[in-house]
Each structure stands twice: as structure tokens, then as C-alpha cells.
């Protein structure tokens, strides 16, 4: 108006080029929809008095990632070999029917020291977020 140009709208973020861990999988589209659903809806559910409750968000993200790691591990075609390797994968059955999984195989799905793998591991992301805020 009056000879002034309207401000340019902000540019949308450019894709980073980093592939998601499930890129190329047969159910890639379903994984993308699930991730989008979590990103859009989880923070809304965890908002209290107009503020995101970060601690609960981190716990929820960890629980979702832990369940994903368990399902992935149980579907691994090398599961039999993993169970035969000491300390790689152990299932502990409780009297009430619950099971606990522990060992290097499941830990490696949640965290990593490898700088190329670490950005895709939930505990590395959550720790980085906690340290940065």
C-alpha cells in the first residue's frame, strides 16, 4: 500500500536430506503417517495451562521409542542368533506375566556412541534437548 511492497512470506524450511530410518521399507508410508500424527497430536495432549509439559513429553517419547525398539527387535530375522550371544538380548519373565527385555541389542536401538547413528536414537535426541534447554 502507498508504494510499499508487502513483506515476503517466510520461506518454508528446506528438507535436510536425511532419510528417516524406515526409508525404503514396504510400510514407509504408514510410518510417515504415524510420525506425522505423533508430531501433530502428542504435544497437544501434553499441554497443560497453555504450556507443553516437557518432562511428560520426554517420557512419552521414550515409552513410544521403547515399544518400537521391542517390536523391531522381536521381528529381527537374527533374533535367534542374538539370544545365543551373551549379554546381547535377555528376556526376564515375571511372576505376573510381564516381561522385561535388556541387553546390548535393545540398548543399541535406543542409544548409540556412533556419531552417524546417534542422531536417529531417541535417548541421544532427548538428552540433547534436555541439555540444550
N, C-alpha and C. Protein backbone atom coordinates (compact mmCIF):
# COMPACT_ATOMS: atom_id res chain seq x y z
N UNK A 1 0.84 -1.16 0.00
CA UNK A 1 0.00 0.00 0.00
C UNK A 1 0.89 1.23 0.00
N UNK A 2 0.50 2.26 -0.69
CA UNK A 2 1.21 3.52 -0.81
C UNK A 2 2.65 3.32 -1.29
N UNK A 3 2.82 2.46 -2.26
CA UNK A 3 4.13 2.28 -2.86
C UNK A 3 5.05 1.32 -2.14
N UNK A 4 4.65 0.83 -0.99
CA UNK A 4 5.50 -0.13 -0.27
C UNK A 4 5.14 -1.54 -0.71
N UNK A 5 6.16 -2.33 -0.86
CA UNK A 5 5.93 -3.74 -1.19
C UNK A 5 5.56 -4.50 0.07
N UNK A 6 4.62 -5.43 -0.07
CA UNK A 6 4.30 -6.23 1.12
C UNK A 6 5.51 -7.10 1.48
N UNK A 7 5.67 -7.38 2.75
CA UNK A 7 6.81 -8.22 3.15
C UNK A 7 6.69 -9.61 2.54
N UNK A 8 7.85 -10.17 2.22
CA UNK A 8 7.87 -11.53 1.68
C UNK A 8 7.50 -12.52 2.77
N UNK A 9 6.66 -13.49 2.43
CA UNK A 9 6.38 -14.51 3.44
C UNK A 9 7.64 -15.32 3.71
N UNK A 10 7.76 -15.85 4.93
CA UNK A 10 8.96 -16.64 5.24
C UNK A 10 9.03 -17.88 4.34
N UNK A 11 10.25 -18.25 4.02
CA UNK A 11 10.46 -19.44 3.18
C UNK A 11 10.24 -20.68 4.02
N UNK A 12 9.59 -21.68 3.44
CA UNK A 12 9.44 -22.94 4.19
C UNK A 12 10.80 -23.57 4.39
N UNK A 13 10.96 -24.33 5.48
CA UNK A 13 12.25 -24.98 5.72
C UNK A 13 12.58 -25.95 4.59
N UNK A 14 13.85 -25.99 4.26
CA UNK A 14 14.30 -26.90 3.21
C UNK A 14 14.55 -28.27 3.82
N UNK A 15 14.20 -29.32 3.09
CA UNK A 15 14.48 -30.66 3.62
C UNK A 15 15.96 -30.84 3.87
N UNK A 16 16.27 -31.52 4.96
CA UNK A 16 17.67 -31.71 5.32
C UNK A 16 18.34 -32.77 4.47
N UNK A 17 17.56 -33.59 3.81
CA UNK A 17 18.13 -34.67 3.01
C UNK A 17 18.41 -35.92 3.82
N UNK A 18 18.25 -35.84 5.14
CA UNK A 18 18.45 -37.02 5.97
C UNK A 18 17.27 -37.96 5.79
N UNK A 19 17.55 -39.19 5.47
CA UNK A 19 16.48 -40.18 5.31
C UNK A 19 16.02 -40.65 6.68
N UNK A 20 14.74 -40.90 6.78
CA UNK A 20 14.21 -41.47 8.02
C UNK A 20 14.64 -42.94 8.09
N UNK A 21 14.73 -43.48 9.29
CA UNK A 21 15.24 -44.85 9.43
C UNK A 21 14.45 -45.88 8.62
N UNK A 22 13.19 -45.63 8.35
CA UNK A 22 12.36 -46.60 7.64
C UNK A 22 12.26 -46.31 6.14
N UNK A 23 13.07 -45.41 5.64
CA UNK A 23 13.04 -45.09 4.21
C UNK A 23 13.28 -46.35 3.38
N UNK A 24 12.41 -46.59 2.42
CA UNK A 24 12.54 -47.74 1.55
C UNK A 24 11.85 -49.00 2.05
N UNK A 25 11.33 -48.97 3.27
CA UNK A 25 10.64 -50.14 3.80
C UNK A 25 9.27 -50.27 3.13
N UNK A 26 8.71 -51.48 3.08
CA UNK A 26 7.38 -51.65 2.47
C UNK A 26 6.29 -50.81 3.16
N UNK A 27 6.42 -50.59 4.46
CA UNK A 27 5.41 -49.81 5.19
C UNK A 27 5.88 -48.38 5.48
N UNK A 28 6.71 -47.85 4.61
CA UNK A 28 7.26 -46.50 4.78
C UNK A 28 6.15 -45.45 4.90
N UNK A 29 5.13 -45.54 4.08
CA UNK A 29 4.05 -44.54 4.10
C UNK A 29 3.33 -44.57 5.44
N UNK A 30 3.05 -45.77 5.95
CA UNK A 30 2.40 -45.88 7.26
C UNK A 30 3.26 -45.30 8.37
N UNK A 31 4.57 -45.53 8.31
CA UNK A 31 5.49 -44.96 9.30
C UNK A 31 5.48 -43.44 9.22
N UNK A 32 5.47 -42.90 8.01
CA UNK A 32 5.43 -41.44 7.85
C UNK A 32 4.15 -40.85 8.43
N UNK A 33 3.01 -41.50 8.17
CA UNK A 33 1.75 -41.03 8.74
C UNK A 33 1.77 -41.10 10.26
N UNK A 34 2.30 -42.19 10.81
CA UNK A 34 2.37 -42.34 12.27
C UNK A 34 3.25 -41.26 12.88
N UNK A 35 4.40 -41.00 12.27
CA UNK A 35 5.28 -39.94 12.78
C UNK A 35 4.59 -38.58 12.72
N UNK A 36 3.96 -38.29 11.59
CA UNK A 36 3.23 -37.03 11.46
C UNK A 36 2.14 -36.89 12.50
N UNK A 37 1.43 -37.99 12.76
CA UNK A 37 0.37 -37.97 13.77
C UNK A 37 0.94 -37.66 15.15
N UNK A 38 2.05 -38.31 15.48
CA UNK A 38 2.68 -38.04 16.79
C UNK A 38 3.15 -36.60 16.90
N UNK A 39 3.79 -36.10 15.86
CA UNK A 39 4.31 -34.73 15.89
C UNK A 39 3.17 -33.72 16.05
N UNK A 40 2.07 -33.96 15.36
CA UNK A 40 0.94 -33.03 15.40
C UNK A 40 0.14 -33.13 16.69
N UNK A 41 -0.04 -34.34 17.21
CA UNK A 41 -1.01 -34.53 18.28
C UNK A 41 -0.43 -34.75 19.68
N UNK A 42 0.74 -35.33 19.79
CA UNK A 42 1.28 -35.61 21.12
C UNK A 42 1.49 -34.33 21.94
N UNK A 43 2.09 -33.28 21.37
CA UNK A 43 2.24 -32.06 22.16
C UNK A 43 0.91 -31.44 22.60
N UNK A 44 -0.12 -31.59 21.80
CA UNK A 44 -1.44 -31.04 22.14
C UNK A 44 -2.00 -31.73 23.37
N UNK A 45 -1.87 -33.04 23.40
CA UNK A 45 -2.37 -33.83 24.53
C UNK A 45 -1.60 -33.51 25.81
N UNK A 46 -0.33 -33.17 25.66
CA UNK A 46 0.53 -32.94 26.83
C UNK A 46 0.65 -31.46 27.22
N UNK A 47 -0.24 -30.64 26.72
CA UNK A 47 -0.23 -29.22 27.05
C UNK A 47 -1.13 -28.98 28.26
N UNK A 48 -0.58 -28.33 29.27
CA UNK A 48 -1.31 -28.03 30.49
C UNK A 48 -1.25 -26.52 30.71
N UNK A 49 -2.40 -25.89 30.87
CA UNK A 49 -2.48 -24.43 31.07
C UNK A 49 -1.72 -23.67 29.99
N UNK A 50 -1.84 -24.13 28.75
CA UNK A 50 -1.21 -23.45 27.62
C UNK A 50 0.28 -23.70 27.46
N UNK A 51 0.86 -24.55 28.28
CA UNK A 51 2.30 -24.82 28.19
C UNK A 51 2.52 -26.32 28.03
N UNK A 52 3.46 -26.65 27.18
CA UNK A 52 3.83 -28.04 26.96
C UNK A 52 4.60 -28.54 28.17
N UNK A 53 4.18 -29.65 28.73
CA UNK A 53 4.87 -30.24 29.88
C UNK A 53 5.99 -31.11 29.33
N UNK A 54 7.17 -30.54 29.24
CA UNK A 54 8.31 -31.16 28.57
C UNK A 54 8.70 -32.50 29.18
N UNK A 55 8.65 -32.61 30.50
CA UNK A 55 9.05 -33.85 31.14
C UNK A 55 8.15 -35.00 30.72
N UNK A 56 6.86 -34.74 30.64
CA UNK A 56 5.92 -35.77 30.23
C UNK A 56 6.11 -36.10 28.76
N UNK A 57 6.39 -35.09 27.94
CA UNK A 57 6.65 -35.33 26.52
C UNK A 57 7.86 -36.24 26.35
N UNK A 58 8.91 -36.01 27.12
CA UNK A 58 10.11 -36.84 27.03
C UNK A 58 9.81 -38.27 27.47
N UNK A 59 9.04 -38.43 28.53
CA UNK A 59 8.68 -39.78 28.99
C UNK A 59 7.82 -40.50 27.95
N UNK A 60 6.86 -39.78 27.36
CA UNK A 60 6.00 -40.39 26.34
C UNK A 60 6.82 -40.78 25.12
N UNK A 61 7.72 -39.91 24.69
CA UNK A 61 8.57 -40.23 23.53
C UNK A 61 9.44 -41.44 23.83
N UNK A 62 9.96 -41.52 25.05
CA UNK A 62 10.78 -42.67 25.43
C UNK A 62 9.98 -43.96 25.46
N UNK A 63 8.74 -43.89 25.96
CA UNK A 63 7.89 -45.08 26.00
C UNK A 63 7.55 -45.56 24.59
N UNK A 64 7.22 -44.62 23.72
CA UNK A 64 6.91 -44.98 22.33
C UNK A 64 8.13 -45.58 21.66
N UNK A 65 9.29 -44.96 21.86
CA UNK A 65 10.52 -45.48 21.26
C UNK A 65 10.88 -46.84 21.83
N UNK A 66 10.69 -47.03 23.13
CA UNK A 66 10.98 -48.32 23.75
C UNK A 66 10.10 -49.42 23.18
N UNK A 67 8.82 -49.12 23.00
CA UNK A 67 7.92 -50.12 22.42
C UNK A 67 8.32 -50.39 20.97
N UNK A 68 8.67 -49.36 20.23
CA UNK A 68 9.13 -49.54 18.86
C UNK A 68 10.38 -50.38 18.79
N UNK A 69 11.30 -50.15 19.72
CA UNK A 69 12.54 -50.93 19.76
C UNK A 69 12.23 -52.39 20.07
N UNK A 70 11.32 -52.63 20.99
CA UNK A 70 10.96 -54.01 21.34
C UNK A 70 10.34 -54.72 20.14
N UNK A 71 9.38 -54.06 19.48
CA UNK A 71 8.72 -54.68 18.33
C UNK A 71 9.73 -54.95 17.22
N UNK A 72 10.62 -53.99 16.97
CA UNK A 72 11.64 -54.18 15.93
C UNK A 72 12.57 -55.33 16.27
N UNK A 73 12.96 -55.39 17.52
CA UNK A 73 13.88 -56.45 17.94
C UNK A 73 13.22 -57.82 17.82
N UNK A 74 11.97 -57.92 18.23
CA UNK A 74 11.27 -59.21 18.17
C UNK A 74 11.01 -59.64 16.73
N UNK A 75 10.99 -58.68 15.79
CA UNK A 75 10.77 -59.00 14.38
C UNK A 75 12.08 -59.22 13.63
N UNK A 76 13.21 -59.02 14.30
CA UNK A 76 14.51 -59.15 13.66
C UNK A 76 14.74 -60.60 13.23
N UNK A 77 15.08 -60.81 11.95
CA UNK A 77 15.32 -62.18 11.49
C UNK A 77 16.50 -62.85 12.19
N UNK A 78 17.37 -62.06 12.81
CA UNK A 78 18.54 -62.61 13.52
C UNK A 78 18.29 -62.78 15.01
N UNK A 79 17.03 -62.79 15.42
CA UNK A 79 16.70 -62.85 16.85
C UNK A 79 17.28 -64.09 17.52
N UNK A 80 17.21 -65.23 16.85
CA UNK A 80 17.74 -66.48 17.44
C UNK A 80 19.24 -66.34 17.71
N UNK A 81 19.97 -65.77 16.77
CA UNK A 81 21.42 -65.57 16.95
C UNK A 81 21.68 -64.56 18.06
N UNK A 82 20.86 -63.51 18.14
CA UNK A 82 21.04 -62.52 19.21
C UNK A 82 20.84 -63.15 20.58
N UNK A 83 19.83 -63.99 20.70
CA UNK A 83 19.56 -64.62 22.00
C UNK A 83 20.67 -65.58 22.40
N UNK A 84 21.41 -66.12 21.44
CA UNK A 84 22.51 -67.03 21.74
C UNK A 84 23.78 -66.29 22.13
N UNK A 85 23.83 -64.99 21.83
CA UNK A 85 25.01 -64.19 22.15
C UNK A 85 24.89 -63.67 23.58
N UNK A 86 25.89 -63.95 24.44
CA UNK A 86 25.81 -63.49 25.84
C UNK A 86 25.67 -61.97 25.92
N UNK A 87 24.77 -61.52 26.79
CA UNK A 87 24.53 -60.11 27.09
C UNK A 87 23.92 -59.31 25.94
N UNK A 88 23.67 -59.93 24.81
CA UNK A 88 23.10 -59.18 23.69
C UNK A 88 21.60 -58.98 23.85
N UNK A 89 20.93 -60.00 24.38
CA UNK A 89 19.48 -59.94 24.44
C UNK A 89 18.99 -60.91 25.50
N UNK A 90 18.30 -60.41 26.51
CA UNK A 90 17.81 -61.26 27.59
C UNK A 90 16.36 -60.89 27.86
N UNK A 91 15.51 -61.91 28.02
CA UNK A 91 14.12 -61.70 28.43
C UNK A 91 13.98 -62.24 29.84
N UNK A 92 13.42 -61.42 30.72
CA UNK A 92 13.16 -61.84 32.09
C UNK A 92 11.64 -61.90 32.25
N UNK A 93 11.12 -63.09 32.59
CA UNK A 93 9.70 -63.28 32.82
C UNK A 93 9.39 -63.09 34.30
N UNK A 94 8.43 -62.22 34.59
CA UNK A 94 8.00 -62.00 35.96
C UNK A 94 6.84 -62.92 36.31
N UNK A 95 6.60 -63.11 37.59
CA UNK A 95 5.53 -63.99 38.03
C UNK A 95 4.16 -63.53 37.56
N UNK A 96 3.98 -62.23 37.41
CA UNK A 96 2.67 -61.70 37.00
C UNK A 96 2.47 -61.71 35.48
N UNK A 97 3.43 -62.29 34.74
CA UNK A 97 3.29 -62.42 33.29
C UNK A 97 3.98 -61.33 32.47
N UNK A 98 4.42 -60.27 33.13
CA UNK A 98 5.14 -59.23 32.39
C UNK A 98 6.53 -59.72 32.02
N UNK A 99 7.08 -59.09 30.99
CA UNK A 99 8.43 -59.42 30.56
C UNK A 99 9.27 -58.15 30.53
N UNK A 100 10.53 -58.29 30.89
CA UNK A 100 11.50 -57.22 30.75
C UNK A 100 12.55 -57.67 29.76
N UNK A 101 12.92 -56.77 28.87
CA UNK A 101 13.97 -57.05 27.91
C UNK A 101 15.16 -56.16 28.26
N UNK A 102 16.34 -56.73 28.20
CA UNK A 102 17.53 -55.91 28.37
C UNK A 102 18.68 -56.52 27.61
N UNK A 103 19.71 -55.75 27.46
CA UNK A 103 20.90 -56.22 26.76
C UNK A 103 21.33 -55.25 25.68
N UNK A 104 22.48 -55.55 25.10
CA UNK A 104 23.08 -54.65 24.12
C UNK A 104 22.23 -54.46 22.88
N UNK A 105 21.49 -55.49 22.46
CA UNK A 105 20.70 -55.39 21.23
C UNK A 105 19.61 -54.34 21.35
N UNK A 106 18.86 -54.35 22.46
CA UNK A 106 17.79 -53.36 22.61
C UNK A 106 18.36 -51.99 22.98
N UNK A 107 19.43 -51.96 23.76
CA UNK A 107 20.07 -50.68 24.09
C UNK A 107 20.57 -49.98 22.84
N UNK A 108 21.11 -50.75 21.90
CA UNK A 108 21.62 -50.18 20.66
C UNK A 108 20.54 -49.57 19.79
N UNK A 109 19.29 -49.97 20.01
CA UNK A 109 18.19 -49.37 19.26
C UNK A 109 17.75 -48.06 19.88
N UNK A 110 18.12 -47.82 21.12
CA UNK A 110 17.69 -46.62 21.83
C UNK A 110 18.77 -45.55 21.97
N UNK A 111 20.02 -45.97 21.96
CA UNK A 111 21.11 -45.01 22.12
C UNK A 111 22.34 -45.51 21.35
N UNK A 112 23.27 -44.61 21.07
CA UNK A 112 24.48 -45.01 20.35
C UNK A 112 25.60 -44.02 20.60
N UNK A 113 26.83 -44.54 20.60
CA UNK A 113 28.02 -43.69 20.67
C UNK A 113 28.51 -43.32 19.27
N UNK A 114 28.01 -44.00 18.26
CA UNK A 114 28.42 -43.77 16.88
C UNK A 114 27.82 -42.44 16.39
N UNK A 115 28.65 -41.46 16.01
CA UNK A 115 28.13 -40.15 15.61
C UNK A 115 27.24 -40.19 14.38
N UNK A 116 27.34 -41.23 13.56
CA UNK A 116 26.48 -41.34 12.39
C UNK A 116 25.11 -41.92 12.74
N UNK A 117 25.05 -42.74 13.76
CA UNK A 117 23.82 -43.40 14.16
C UNK A 117 23.09 -42.62 15.26
N UNK A 118 23.84 -41.96 16.13
CA UNK A 118 23.27 -41.30 17.30
C UNK A 118 22.11 -40.34 17.00
N UNK A 119 22.15 -39.54 15.93
CA UNK A 119 21.03 -38.63 15.70
C UNK A 119 19.68 -39.33 15.48
N UNK A 120 19.69 -40.63 15.19
CA UNK A 120 18.46 -41.36 14.97
C UNK A 120 18.01 -42.14 16.21
N UNK A 121 18.70 -41.98 17.31
CA UNK A 121 18.36 -42.72 18.53
C UNK A 121 17.68 -41.79 19.52
N UNK A 122 16.59 -42.27 20.09
CA UNK A 122 15.74 -41.41 20.92
C UNK A 122 16.45 -40.87 22.15
N UNK A 123 17.24 -41.67 22.82
CA UNK A 123 17.87 -41.17 24.04
C UNK A 123 18.90 -40.09 23.72
N UNK A 124 19.58 -40.22 22.60
CA UNK A 124 20.51 -39.17 22.20
C UNK A 124 19.77 -37.87 21.91
N UNK A 125 18.62 -37.97 21.22
CA UNK A 125 17.84 -36.77 20.92
C UNK A 125 17.29 -36.13 22.17
N UNK A 126 16.74 -36.95 23.08
CA UNK A 126 16.15 -36.40 24.30
C UNK A 126 17.22 -35.80 25.20
N UNK A 127 18.36 -36.45 25.30
CA UNK A 127 19.44 -35.90 26.14
C UNK A 127 19.93 -34.57 25.56
N UNK A 128 20.06 -34.51 24.24
CA UNK A 128 20.49 -33.26 23.61
C UNK A 128 19.49 -32.14 23.84
N UNK A 129 18.21 -32.48 23.80
CA UNK A 129 17.16 -31.48 24.05
C UNK A 129 17.20 -31.02 25.50
N UNK A 130 17.37 -31.97 26.42
CA UNK A 130 17.40 -31.61 27.85
C UNK A 130 18.61 -30.75 28.17
N UNK A 131 19.75 -31.06 27.59
CA UNK A 131 20.97 -30.28 27.85
C UNK A 131 20.84 -28.90 27.24
N UNK A 132 20.21 -28.81 26.08
CA UNK A 132 20.09 -27.53 25.37
C UNK A 132 19.06 -26.58 25.96
N UNK A 133 18.25 -27.05 26.89
CA UNK A 133 17.21 -26.16 27.45
C UNK A 133 17.39 -26.02 28.93
